[in-house]
Structures are given as structure tokens and as C-alpha cells.
């Protein structure tokens, strides 16, 4: 599942997760989450 999140994290210090992704993950407005950012190669 590939989706663009915006604005760029380094610009604003926060991201907006698109509604369809939030629903899939069971997230609600105001939830706090911890993100781990990593590169996934096509070999994985």
C-alpha cells in the first residue's frame, strides 16, 4: 500500500495520514502514534 503523506515531516513537524489509511489502521482524530521511518527495498 503506497500513499503520500503531507506536509513533509521536516517542514511542519507533523504529518497528515490520509483518511483511507487511518481507517485501515483503526486510527481516530487525536490519536498519538510513534512512527519508525525506514527504507524498504524491492528485495524485501
N, C-alpha and C. Protein backbone atom coordinates (compact mmCIF):
# COMPACT_ATOMS: atom_id res chain seq x y z
N UNK A 1 0.85 -1.16 0.00
CA UNK A 1 0.00 0.00 0.00
C UNK A 1 0.90 1.23 0.00
N UNK A 2 0.83 2.01 -1.04
CA UNK A 2 1.64 3.22 -1.13
C UNK A 2 0.71 4.43 -1.08
N UNK A 3 1.04 5.37 -0.22
CA UNK A 3 0.25 6.59 -0.10
C UNK A 3 1.18 7.74 0.22
N UNK A 4 0.80 8.91 -0.25
CA UNK A 4 1.59 10.09 0.05
C UNK A 4 1.03 10.73 1.31
N UNK A 5 1.92 11.10 2.22
CA UNK A 5 1.52 11.84 3.41
C UNK A 5 2.07 13.25 3.27
N UNK A 6 1.40 14.21 3.82
CA UNK A 6 1.77 15.59 3.63
C UNK A 6 1.39 16.39 4.85
N UNK A 7 1.92 17.55 5.16
CA UNK A 7 3.12 18.09 4.52
C UNK A 7 4.34 17.27 4.89
N UNK A 8 5.44 17.57 4.25
CA UNK A 8 6.66 16.84 4.56
C UNK A 8 6.99 17.03 6.04
N UNK A 9 7.36 15.94 6.70
CA UNK A 9 7.59 15.96 8.14
C UNK A 9 8.60 17.01 8.55
N UNK A 10 9.65 17.17 7.79
CA UNK A 10 10.70 18.12 8.16
C UNK A 10 10.23 19.57 8.03
N UNK A 11 9.19 19.81 7.26
CA UNK A 11 8.68 21.17 7.11
C UNK A 11 7.81 21.59 8.30
N UNK A 12 6.99 20.70 8.81
CA UNK A 12 6.00 21.08 9.81
C UNK A 12 6.12 20.35 11.13
N UNK A 13 6.87 19.26 11.19
CA UNK A 13 6.97 18.51 12.44
C UNK A 13 5.79 17.60 12.69
N UNK A 14 4.87 17.52 11.75
CA UNK A 14 3.74 16.61 11.87
C UNK A 14 3.35 16.15 10.47
N UNK A 15 2.61 15.06 10.42
CA UNK A 15 2.15 14.58 9.12
C UNK A 15 0.64 14.37 9.18
N UNK A 16 0.03 14.35 8.02
CA UNK A 16 -1.38 14.02 7.90
C UNK A 16 -1.47 12.68 7.20
N UNK A 17 -2.11 11.74 7.84
CA UNK A 17 -2.29 10.41 7.25
C UNK A 17 -3.64 10.42 6.55
N UNK A 18 -3.68 10.07 5.27
CA UNK A 18 -4.95 10.09 4.53
C UNK A 18 -6.03 9.25 5.22
N UNK A 19 -7.29 9.67 5.08
CA UNK A 19 -8.41 9.05 5.78
C UNK A 19 -8.50 7.54 5.52
N UNK A 20 -8.30 7.11 4.28
CA UNK A 20 -8.42 5.68 4.00
C UNK A 20 -7.36 4.86 4.74
N UNK A 21 -6.18 5.44 4.94
CA UNK A 21 -5.12 4.76 5.70
C UNK A 21 -5.47 4.76 7.19
N UNK A 22 -5.98 5.89 7.70
CA UNK A 22 -6.39 5.96 9.11
C UNK A 22 -7.45 4.91 9.41
N UNK A 23 -8.43 4.77 8.52
CA UNK A 23 -9.50 3.79 8.73
C UNK A 23 -8.92 2.38 8.74
N UNK A 24 -8.03 2.08 7.82
CA UNK A 24 -7.41 0.76 7.73
C UNK A 24 -6.65 0.42 9.01
N UNK A 25 -6.01 1.43 9.62
CA UNK A 25 -5.22 1.22 10.83
C UNK A 25 -6.05 1.37 12.11
N UNK A 26 -7.30 1.79 11.98
CA UNK A 26 -8.15 1.98 13.15
C UNK A 26 -7.80 3.21 13.96
N UNK A 27 -7.21 4.22 13.30
CA UNK A 27 -6.82 5.45 13.99
C UNK A 27 -7.98 6.44 14.00
N UNK A 28 -8.07 7.20 15.08
CA UNK A 28 -9.08 8.24 15.19
C UNK A 28 -8.39 9.59 15.39
N UNK A 29 -9.11 10.66 15.07
CA UNK A 29 -8.57 12.00 15.25
C UNK A 29 -8.12 12.17 16.69
N UNK A 30 -6.90 12.68 16.87
CA UNK A 30 -6.36 12.91 18.20
C UNK A 30 -5.49 11.78 18.72
N UNK A 31 -5.54 10.61 18.07
CA UNK A 31 -4.67 9.51 18.48
C UNK A 31 -3.22 9.93 18.32
N UNK A 32 -2.38 9.49 19.22
CA UNK A 32 -0.94 9.73 19.11
C UNK A 32 -0.28 8.42 18.74
N UNK A 33 0.61 8.49 17.77
CA UNK A 33 1.31 7.29 17.32
C UNK A 33 2.80 7.57 17.24
N UNK A 34 3.59 6.54 17.34
CA UNK A 34 5.03 6.65 17.17
C UNK A 34 5.36 6.06 15.80
N UNK A 35 6.09 6.81 15.02
CA UNK A 35 6.45 6.36 13.68
C UNK A 35 7.91 5.94 13.62
N UNK A 36 8.16 4.89 12.89
CA UNK A 36 9.52 4.48 12.56
C UNK A 36 9.62 4.57 11.05
N UNK A 37 10.56 5.36 10.58
CA UNK A 37 10.74 5.55 9.15
C UNK A 37 11.91 4.70 8.69
N UNK A 38 11.67 3.87 7.69
CA UNK A 38 12.77 3.08 7.14
C UNK A 38 12.53 2.86 5.66
N UNK A 39 13.59 2.64 4.95
CA UNK A 39 13.53 2.38 3.52
C UNK A 39 13.29 0.89 3.32
N UNK A 40 12.32 0.55 2.51
CA UNK A 40 12.06 -0.85 2.18
C UNK A 40 12.50 -1.06 0.74
N UNK A 41 13.47 -1.93 0.58
CA UNK A 41 13.96 -2.20 -0.77
C UNK A 41 13.01 -3.18 -1.45
N UNK A 42 13.11 -3.27 -2.76
CA UNK A 42 12.25 -4.18 -3.50
C UNK A 42 12.59 -5.64 -3.24
N UNK A 43 13.75 -5.90 -2.62
CA UNK A 43 14.15 -7.27 -2.31
C UNK A 43 13.40 -7.82 -1.10
N UNK A 44 12.83 -6.94 -0.28
CA UNK A 44 12.16 -7.38 0.96
C UNK A 44 10.74 -7.82 0.69
